[in-house]
């Protein structure tokens, strides 16, 4: 019975392990996994948590400071009795307790500015997190498409090699029959050997691309990692029907690069306001309550002493800055300089975004034209190959010319694959600039 259970468990684990090895990752799964496990994104999430804590701390500045204290002591010799407030040479125990409350009434609006700054900084952290997710998603998509390109290129070579093997068998029969010269067979054999070499190179390219994507996803099982096999059609290119000005205008509103630069400028302006707050006086309110007990007061019990010996203190405290060694003025000027710097950075971010959008638009347009041209080229090379094949079959052309025709067809087919996925990727980049989030993009 135990043997049967062991066999059953072994079989079950084997099936589970086999299923794990056979898992094929879709693009969406890769993107979601990368976003969930990326170290840079986790760091951005920690920055957002820190910004939330800073906001909570800024809110706490509006809450009164409340503290309580209590002291129990024994005294021997000449000491001041806390109840009678006189020197006594004796041994006694005493207990004092109190509560103190402090509240800032005015501090040059610095508490208010600090809260506003904390809110701006939290929003900035959200933008940085969003940009990190977009960056990693775009990088994963590019790596994923590179695997597809390499796989499709490998299929093209393998398919051509199958044709070569068929032609090799036919040529051998014709050479043996004396119809074709031995040189034609040697030419086809050389073509077959060259294709085998390129198949090995293509397989290595697929493996390297797979390992690269696995490393991006922090997956260490390189050998078993693979992507899903499915047909990827060229998506709709409606985005190319929009004007470059429309795409650029939308990008300025939607892209994190400009939003981050704008938030940095607002933070710098808020820092100027905070620095100026040091010019103003501060007004604080305070309230204190204290009471005491001593064991050498034998006429009153503990509670009665606390009641009779209590006292209150309350009032206002005004601090007026007079001279601070020019530190406040220097700090204000330094923050003003930072405002100017962030204004330049904002302007540069807009210029860079405009340039990137324009480049992405031209790249998408160019890749569309290249893809269409490659489709025409493949059809032309297919006709040329069929023509060369028919001439070769009847002995009107030699093996070298026929191999060259097949080689040109293979190159055209490989170029079509590369142009297709290059076109898909550049369309997606342009859609991102138009404000379509990476999670909403479909291939």
Protein backbone atom coordinates (compact mmCIF):
# COMPACT_ATOMS: atom_id res chain seq x y z
CA UNK A 1 0.00 0.00 0.00
CA UNK A 2 2.82 2.37 0.91
CA UNK A 3 4.55 1.54 -2.38
CA UNK A 4 1.40 2.38 -4.32
CA UNK A 5 1.07 5.74 -2.51
CA UNK A 6 4.71 6.52 -3.23
CA UNK A 7 4.24 5.69 -6.91
CA UNK A 8 1.10 7.84 -7.03
CA UNK A 9 2.86 10.82 -5.42
CA UNK A 10 5.86 10.41 -7.70
CA UNK A 11 3.61 10.34 -10.73
CA UNK A 12 1.69 13.40 -9.51
CA UNK A 13 4.85 15.41 -8.90
CA UNK A 14 6.14 14.35 -12.30
CA UNK A 15 2.98 15.59 -13.98
CA UNK A 16 3.12 18.90 -12.10
CA UNK A 17 6.78 19.36 -12.97
CA UNK A 18 6.04 18.57 -16.61
CA UNK A 19 3.23 21.11 -16.67
CA UNK A 20 5.49 23.73 -15.08
CA UNK A 21 8.14 23.10 -17.75
CA UNK A 22 5.57 23.28 -20.54
CA UNK A 23 4.20 26.65 -19.47
CA UNK A 24 4.26 29.15 -22.28
CA UNK A 25 4.23 32.81 -21.28
CA UNK A 26 1.98 35.29 -23.04
CA UNK A 27 3.00 38.90 -23.44
CA UNK A 28 0.43 40.04 -20.85
CA UNK A 29 1.70 37.45 -18.36
CA UNK A 30 5.28 38.61 -18.89
CA UNK A 31 4.37 42.27 -18.42
CA UNK A 32 2.28 41.61 -15.30
CA UNK A 33 4.97 39.37 -13.81
CA UNK A 34 7.69 41.92 -14.51
CA UNK A 35 5.67 44.72 -12.93
CA UNK A 36 4.98 42.59 -9.87
CA UNK A 37 8.58 41.46 -9.36
CA UNK A 38 10.73 44.29 -10.74
CA UNK A 39 13.15 45.63 -8.14
CA UNK A 40 13.00 49.15 -9.58
CA UNK A 41 9.20 49.14 -9.33
CA UNK A 42 9.36 47.85 -5.77
CA UNK A 43 11.70 50.72 -4.94
CA UNK A 44 9.24 53.18 -6.50
CA UNK A 45 6.47 51.64 -4.41
CA UNK A 46 8.59 52.18 -1.28
CA UNK A 47 9.08 55.80 -2.31
CA UNK A 48 5.30 56.14 -2.55
CA UNK A 49 4.87 54.62 0.92
CA UNK A 50 7.46 57.05 2.28
CA UNK A 51 5.64 59.97 0.66
CA UNK A 52 2.39 58.81 2.30
CA UNK A 53 4.12 58.78 5.68
CA UNK A 54 5.49 62.28 5.05
CA UNK A 55 1.95 63.46 4.35
CA UNK A 56 0.74 61.88 7.60
CA UNK A 57 3.58 63.56 9.50
CA UNK A 58 2.66 66.92 7.94
CA UNK A 59 -0.93 66.47 9.09
CA UNK A 60 0.38 65.73 12.57
CA UNK A 61 1.86 69.24 12.77
CA UNK A 62 -1.67 70.59 13.19
CA UNK A 63 -2.36 68.35 16.19
CA UNK A 64 -1.41 69.60 19.70
CA UNK A 65 1.62 68.06 21.35
CA UNK A 66 0.50 66.29 24.52
CA UNK A 67 2.91 64.74 27.01
CA UNK A 68 2.55 63.30 30.48
CA UNK A 69 5.14 62.73 33.17
CA UNK A 70 5.41 61.08 36.55
CA UNK A 71 8.27 60.80 39.03
CA UNK A 72 8.48 58.68 42.18
CA UNK A 73 11.56 59.30 44.37
CA UNK A 74 12.98 58.66 47.84
CA UNK A 75 15.00 61.36 49.56
CA UNK A 76 17.42 61.21 52.52
CA UNK A 77 19.08 64.18 54.16
CA UNK A 78 18.43 67.82 53.37
CA UNK A 79 15.99 68.01 50.48
CA UNK A 80 13.14 70.24 49.37
CA UNK A 81 9.79 68.76 50.20
CA UNK A 82 7.78 69.07 46.94
CA UNK A 83 4.57 69.55 48.95
CA UNK A 84 5.69 72.17 51.47
CA UNK A 85 8.48 73.53 49.24
CA UNK A 86 10.79 73.76 52.30
CA UNK A 87 14.11 72.13 53.17
CA UNK A 88 13.77 69.09 55.40
CA UNK A 89 16.46 66.89 56.87
CA UNK A 90 14.69 63.57 56.94
CA UNK A 91 13.83 60.58 54.83
CA UNK A 92 10.66 60.74 52.76
CA UNK A 93 9.19 59.57 49.47
CA UNK A 94 7.43 61.81 47.00
CA UNK A 95 5.49 61.55 43.76
CA UNK A 96 4.96 64.24 41.15
CA UNK A 97 2.95 64.04 37.94
CA UNK A 98 1.77 66.42 35.26
CA UNK A 99 0.42 66.92 31.75
CA UNK A 100 1.70 69.44 29.21
CA UNK A 101 -0.04 70.55 26.02
CA UNK A 102 1.49 72.67 23.29
CA UNK A 103 -0.09 74.01 20.10
CA UNK A 104 1.40 76.07 17.30
CA UNK A 105 -0.96 78.91 16.45
CA UNK A 106 1.14 80.58 13.77
CA UNK A 107 4.50 79.69 12.26
CA UNK A 108 4.61 81.70 9.07
CA UNK A 109 2.25 79.16 7.44
CA UNK A 110 5.09 76.65 7.33
CA UNK A 111 2.94 73.79 8.65
CA UNK A 112 0.37 74.49 5.94
CA UNK A 113 3.07 74.72 3.27
CA UNK A 114 4.63 71.49 4.53
CA UNK A 115 1.32 69.67 4.16
CA UNK A 116 0.86 71.05 0.66
CA UNK A 117 4.39 69.96 -0.22
CA UNK A 118 3.78 66.47 1.15
CA UNK A 119 0.70 66.14 -1.08
CA UNK A 120 2.70 67.28 -4.12
CA UNK A 121 5.50 64.86 -3.29
CA UNK A 122 3.06 61.96 -2.96
CA UNK A 123 1.66 62.75 -6.39
CA UNK A 124 5.20 62.93 -7.75
CA UNK A 125 5.89 59.45 -6.30
CA UNK A 126 2.76 58.16 -8.02
CA UNK A 127 3.97 59.57 -11.34
CA UNK A 128 7.41 58.02 -10.85
CA UNK A 129 5.80 54.67 -10.09
CA UNK A 130 3.64 54.92 -13.19
CA UNK A 131 6.65 55.77 -15.35
CA UNK A 132 8.60 52.83 -13.91
CA UNK A 133 5.76 50.49 -14.83
CA UNK A 134 5.52 51.89 -18.35
CA UNK A 135 9.28 51.63 -18.84
CA UNK A 136 9.52 48.02 -17.69
CA UNK A 137 6.41 47.05 -19.68
CA UNK A 138 7.84 48.58 -22.86
CA UNK A 139 11.18 46.88 -22.29
CA UNK A 140 9.49 43.51 -21.74
CA UNK A 141 7.36 43.98 -24.86
CA UNK A 142 10.46 44.72 -26.93
CA UNK A 143 12.26 41.65 -25.54
CA UNK A 144 9.18 39.51 -26.15
CA UNK A 145 8.88 40.66 -29.75
CA UNK A 146 12.59 39.99 -30.30
CA UNK A 147 12.02 36.36 -29.38
CA UNK A 148 9.16 36.23 -31.87
CA UNK A 149 11.37 37.73 -34.59
CA UNK A 150 14.12 35.19 -33.94
CA UNK A 151 11.66 32.29 -33.85
CA UNK A 152 10.01 33.31 -37.08
CA UNK A 153 13.41 33.76 -38.73
CA UNK A 154 14.34 30.27 -37.57
CA UNK A 155 11.15 28.87 -39.10
CA UNK A 156 11.96 30.53 -42.41
CA UNK A 157 15.42 28.94 -42.54
CA UNK A 158 14.10 25.54 -41.43
CA UNK A 159 11.40 25.64 -44.10
CA UNK A 160 13.93 26.56 -46.78
CA UNK A 161 16.19 23.77 -45.56
CA UNK A 162 13.37 21.27 -45.99
CA UNK A 163 13.04 22.44 -49.59
CA UNK A 164 16.81 22.14 -50.02
CA UNK A 165 16.78 18.55 -48.74
CA UNK A 166 14.06 17.67 -51.22
CA UNK A 167 16.03 19.34 -53.99
CA UNK A 168 19.19 17.57 -52.84
CA UNK A 169 17.53 14.16 -53.16
CA UNK A 170 16.14 15.03 -56.60
CA UNK A 171 19.46 16.42 -57.81
CA UNK A 172 21.28 13.29 -56.62
CA UNK A 173 18.89 11.13 -58.60
CA UNK A 174 19.42 13.27 -61.71
CA UNK A 175 23.20 13.22 -61.26
CA UNK A 176 23.15 9.44 -60.85
CA UNK A 177 21.06 9.25 -64.01
CA UNK A 178 23.59 11.42 -65.84
CA UNK A 179 21.13 14.22 -66.49
CA UNK A 180 22.91 16.81 -64.32
CA UNK A 181 26.62 17.32 -63.69
CA UNK A 182 28.26 16.43 -60.37
CA UNK A 183 28.90 20.11 -59.72
CA UNK A 184 25.19 20.78 -59.29
CA UNK A 185 25.00 18.19 -56.52
CA UNK A 186 28.02 19.72 -54.79
CA UNK A 187 26.41 23.16 -55.01
CA UNK A 188 23.18 21.92 -53.41
CA UNK A 189 25.15 20.10 -50.70
CA UNK A 190 27.08 23.32 -49.95
CA UNK A 191 23.77 25.20 -49.73
CA UNK A 192 22.42 22.59 -47.32
CA UNK A 193 25.52 22.82 -45.12
CA UNK A 194 25.29 26.61 -45.07
CA UNK A 195 21.63 26.42 -44.05
CA UNK A 196 22.45 24.03 -41.21
CA UNK A 197 24.99 26.54 -39.92
CA UNK A 198 22.47 29.34 -40.09
CA UNK A 199 19.87 27.17 -38.34
CA UNK A 200 22.28 26.68 -35.43
CA UNK A 201 22.94 30.43 -35.34
CA UNK A 202 19.20 31.16 -35.42
CA UNK A 203 18.57 28.67 -32.60
CA UNK A 204 21.25 30.40 -30.54
CA UNK A 205 19.62 33.76 -31.22
CA UNK A 206 16.30 32.40 -29.97
CA UNK A 207 17.96 31.02 -26.85
CA UNK A 208 19.82 34.26 -26.12
CA UNK A 209 16.59 36.28 -26.51
CA UNK A 210 14.73 33.87 -24.23
CA UNK A 211 17.44 34.07 -21.58
CA UNK A 212 17.40 37.87 -21.81
CA UNK A 213 13.67 38.04 -21.20
CA UNK A 214 13.88 35.48 -18.38
CA UNK A 215 16.56 37.58 -16.68
CA UNK A 216 14.37 40.66 -17.02
CA UNK A 217 11.57 38.73 -15.30
CA UNK A 218 14.03 37.45 -12.64
CA UNK A 219 13.28 33.85 -13.70
CA UNK A 220 16.30 31.58 -13.25
CA UNK A 221 14.97 28.51 -15.07
CA UNK A 222 16.33 29.63 -18.43
CA UNK A 223 16.13 26.25 -20.13
CA UNK A 224 12.39 25.77 -19.62
CA UNK A 225 11.31 29.38 -20.05
CA UNK A 226 9.51 30.03 -23.31
CA UNK A 227 6.79 32.22 -24.75
CA UNK A 228 3.43 31.22 -26.15
CA UNK A 229 3.17 30.26 -29.78
CA UNK A 230 0.38 32.18 -31.45
CA UNK A 231 -0.33 34.15 -34.58
CA UNK A 232 0.44 37.84 -34.26
CA UNK A 233 -1.42 39.89 -36.81
CA UNK A 234 -0.49 43.43 -37.70
CA UNK A 235 -2.79 45.61 -35.57
CA UNK A 236 -4.90 48.49 -36.75
CA UNK A 237 -2.88 51.59 -37.57
CA UNK A 238 -5.56 54.17 -36.77
CA UNK A 239 -3.00 56.10 -34.73
CA UNK A 240 -1.17 56.99 -37.96
CA UNK A 241 -4.27 58.79 -39.22
CA UNK A 242 -3.93 61.35 -36.44
CA UNK A 243 -1.85 64.45 -36.93
CA UNK A 244 1.50 64.80 -35.23
CA UNK A 245 0.25 67.92 -33.40
CA UNK A 246 -2.70 65.99 -31.94
CA UNK A 247 -0.43 63.19 -30.73
CA UNK A 248 2.08 65.65 -29.29
CA UNK A 249 -0.62 67.64 -27.47
CA UNK A 250 -2.08 64.48 -25.95
CA UNK A 251 1.38 63.24 -24.97
CA UNK A 252 2.08 66.44 -23.01
CA UNK A 253 -1.05 65.84 -20.95
CA UNK A 254 -0.72 62.09 -20.52
CA UNK A 255 2.98 61.25 -20.35
CA UNK A 256 4.68 60.96 -17.00
CA UNK A 257 7.85 62.72 -18.15
CA UNK A 258 6.17 66.14 -18.33
CA UNK A 259 4.00 65.50 -15.26
CA UNK A 260 7.09 64.62 -13.22
CA UNK A 261 8.87 67.79 -14.36
CA UNK A 262 5.78 69.88 -13.52
CA UNK A 263 5.58 68.36 -10.04
CA UNK A 264 9.26 69.06 -9.42
CA UNK A 265 8.66 72.70 -10.36
CA UNK A 266 5.68 72.93 -7.97
CA UNK A 267 7.77 71.35 -5.20
CA UNK A 268 10.55 73.89 -5.78
CA UNK A 269 8.05 76.75 -5.58
CA UNK A 270 6.65 75.32 -2.36
CA UNK A 271 10.17 75.14 -0.92
CA UNK A 272 10.53 78.88 -1.55
CA UNK A 273 7.33 79.51 0.41
CA UNK A 274 8.58 77.31 3.23
CA UNK A 275 11.89 79.17 3.37
CA UNK A 276 10.11 82.52 3.48
CA UNK A 277 8.14 81.33 6.49
CA UNK A 278 11.27 81.71 8.58
CA UNK A 279 10.97 85.51 8.21
CA UNK A 280 7.77 85.53 10.27
CA UNK A 281 7.34 85.22 14.04
CA UNK A 282 5.93 82.08 15.59
CA UNK A 283 3.16 82.01 18.18
CA UNK A 284 2.63 78.96 20.40
CA UNK A 285 0.04 78.27 23.07
CA UNK A 286 0.84 76.08 26.06
CA UNK A 287 -1.04 74.54 28.96
CA UNK A 288 0.36 72.60 31.90
CA UNK A 289 -1.10 70.75 34.85
CA UNK A 290 0.92 69.26 37.71
CA UNK A 291 0.37 67.85 41.18
CA UNK A 292 2.39 66.12 43.90
CA UNK A 293 2.32 63.79 46.90
CA UNK A 294 4.70 63.18 49.83
CA UNK A 295 4.55 60.45 52.47
CA UNK A 296 5.67 62.81 55.28
CA UNK A 297 2.33 64.63 55.07
CA UNK A 298 0.51 62.32 57.47
CA UNK A 299 -2.58 64.48 57.74
CA UNK A 300 -3.78 63.93 54.17
CA UNK A 301 -4.14 60.78 52.12
CA UNK A 302 -2.79 60.26 48.58
CA UNK A 303 -5.85 61.45 46.66
CA UNK A 304 -6.41 64.45 48.89
CA UNK A 305 -2.81 65.58 48.46
CA UNK A 306 -3.08 65.30 44.70
CA UNK A 307 -6.22 67.40 44.79
CA UNK A 308 -4.82 70.08 47.12
CA UNK A 309 -1.34 70.32 45.62
CA UNK A 310 -2.25 70.61 41.95
CA UNK A 311 -1.54 73.64 39.81
CA UNK A 312 -2.05 74.99 36.28
CA UNK A 313 0.08 76.98 33.87
CA UNK A 314 -1.04 78.35 30.54
CA UNK A 315 -0.16 81.13 28.20
CA UNK A 316 1.26 82.19 24.86
CA UNK A 317 4.84 82.22 23.62
CA UNK A 318 5.94 84.58 20.84
CA UNK A 319 9.26 84.19 19.07
CA UNK A 320 10.35 86.96 16.70
CA UNK A 321 13.32 86.28 14.38
CA UNK A 322 15.74 89.20 14.40
CA UNK A 323 19.04 87.98 13.00
CA UNK A 324 19.85 84.47 11.80
CA UNK A 325 23.22 85.03 10.22
CA UNK A 326 21.67 85.51 6.78
CA UNK A 327 20.69 81.82 6.74
CA UNK A 328 17.01 82.52 6.00
CA UNK A 329 17.80 84.95 3.18
CA UNK A 330 20.37 82.55 1.73
CA UNK A 331 17.95 79.64 1.94
CA UNK A 332 15.25 81.62 0.13
CA UNK A 333 17.64 82.61 -2.66
CA UNK A 334 18.91 79.05 -2.98
CA UNK A 335 15.38 77.74 -3.38
CA UNK A 336 14.59 80.45 -5.94
CA UNK A 337 17.55 79.24 -7.98
CA UNK A 338 16.14 75.73 -7.77
CA UNK A 339 12.80 77.00 -9.09
CA UNK A 340 14.57 78.44 -12.12
CA UNK A 341 16.40 75.14 -12.60
CA UNK A 342 13.15 73.14 -12.51
CA UNK A 343 11.60 75.57 -15.02
CA UNK A 344 14.44 74.79 -17.40
CA UNK A 345 14.01 71.08 -16.73
CA UNK A 346 10.28 71.33 -17.45
CA UNK A 347 10.93 73.12 -20.71
CA UNK A 348 13.57 70.53 -21.62
CA UNK A 349 11.15 67.70 -20.75
CA UNK A 350 8.57 69.18 -23.13
CA UNK A 351 11.15 69.58 -25.89
CA UNK A 352 12.42 66.03 -25.38
CA UNK A 353 8.88 64.68 -25.41
CA UNK A 354 8.06 66.59 -28.61
CA UNK A 355 11.21 65.22 -30.20
CA UNK A 356 10.48 61.66 -29.05
CA UNK A 357 6.88 61.84 -30.27
CA UNK A 358 7.98 63.17 -33.64
CA UNK A 359 10.64 60.47 -33.91
CA UNK A 360 8.16 57.75 -32.88
CA UNK A 361 5.69 59.05 -35.47
CA UNK A 362 8.30 58.98 -38.24
CA UNK A 363 9.52 55.55 -37.09
CA UNK A 364 5.99 54.14 -37.22
CA UNK A 365 5.39 55.66 -40.64
CA UNK A 366 8.72 54.38 -41.91
CA UNK A 367 8.22 50.90 -40.48
CA UNK A 368 4.76 50.74 -42.10
CA UNK A 369 6.29 51.54 -45.49
CA UNK A 370 9.13 49.08 -44.92
CA UNK A 371 6.66 46.33 -44.01
CA UNK A 372 4.53 46.98 -47.10
CA UNK A 373 7.67 46.98 -49.24
CA UNK A 374 8.80 43.67 -47.74
CA UNK A 375 5.44 42.08 -48.59
CA UNK A 376 5.89 43.15 -52.22
CA UNK A 377 9.49 41.91 -52.17
CA UNK A 378 8.49 38.47 -50.86
CA UNK A 379 5.86 38.05 -53.57
CA UNK A 380 8.38 39.07 -56.23
CA UNK A 381 11.05 36.70 -54.86
CA UNK A 382 8.51 33.86 -54.67
CA UNK A 383 7.73 34.30 -58.36
CA UNK A 384 11.43 34.52 -59.17
CA UNK A 385 12.11 31.38 -57.14
CA UNK A 386 9.33 29.42 -58.88
CA UNK A 387 10.68 30.54 -62.23
CA UNK A 388 14.23 29.50 -61.28
CA UNK A 389 12.99 26.19 -59.90
CA UNK A 390 11.12 25.36 -63.08
CA UNK A 391 14.15 26.22 -65.21
CA UNK A 392 16.39 24.13 -62.93
CA UNK A 393 14.04 21.16 -63.10
CA UNK A 394 14.31 21.09 -66.89
CA UNK A 395 18.04 21.78 -66.91
CA UNK A 396 17.91 25.35 -68.22
CA UNK A 397 19.85 26.80 -65.24
CA UNK A 398 22.56 25.49 -62.98
CA UNK A 399 22.45 24.71 -59.25
CA UNK A 400 24.36 27.87 -58.28
CA UNK A 401 21.85 30.24 -59.90
CA UNK A 402 18.99 28.22 -58.42
CA UNK A 403 20.57 28.39 -54.92
CA UNK A 404 21.01 32.11 -55.24
CA UNK A 405 17.33 32.51 -56.12
CA UNK A 406 16.32 30.47 -53.08
CA UNK A 407 18.72 32.43 -50.88
CA UNK A 408 17.19 35.74 -52.02
CA UNK A 409 13.70 34.42 -51.22
CA UNK A 410 14.83 33.38 -47.76
CA UNK A 411 16.33 36.81 -47.11
CA UNK A 412 13.13 38.49 -48.27
CA UNK A 413 11.02 36.29 -45.98
CA UNK A 414 13.31 36.95 -43.01
CA UNK A 415 13.20 40.67 -43.70
CA UNK A 416 9.41 40.54 -43.83
CA UNK A 417 9.33 38.94 -40.35
CA UNK A 418 11.65 41.57 -38.92
CA UNK A 419 9.74 44.43 -40.54
CA UNK A 420 6.43 43.03 -39.32
CA UNK A 421 7.38 42.94 -35.63
CA UNK A 422 9.33 46.17 -35.89
CA UNK A 423 6.18 47.78 -37.25
CA UNK A 424 4.06 46.28 -34.43
CA UNK A 425 6.44 47.53 -31.75
CA UNK A 426 6.74 51.04 -33.13
CA UNK A 427 2.97 51.32 -33.41
CA UNK A 428 2.70 50.40 -29.72
CA UNK A 429 5.32 53.00 -28.78
CA UNK A 430 3.36 55.66 -30.63
CA UNK A 431 0.14 54.56 -28.89
CA UNK A 432 1.87 54.95 -25.53
CA UNK A 433 2.75 58.53 -26.39
CA UNK A 434 -0.88 59.09 -27.32
CA UNK A 435 -1.87 58.18 -23.77
CA UNK A 436 -2.93 54.56 -24.21
CA UNK A 437 -1.77 52.74 -21.10
CA UNK A 438 0.38 49.67 -21.52
CA UNK A 439 -2.29 47.49 -19.87
CA UNK A 440 -4.82 48.53 -22.55
CA UNK A 441 -2.57 47.86 -25.53
CA UNK A 442 -3.40 44.75 -27.55
CA UNK A 443 -1.24 42.88 -30.03
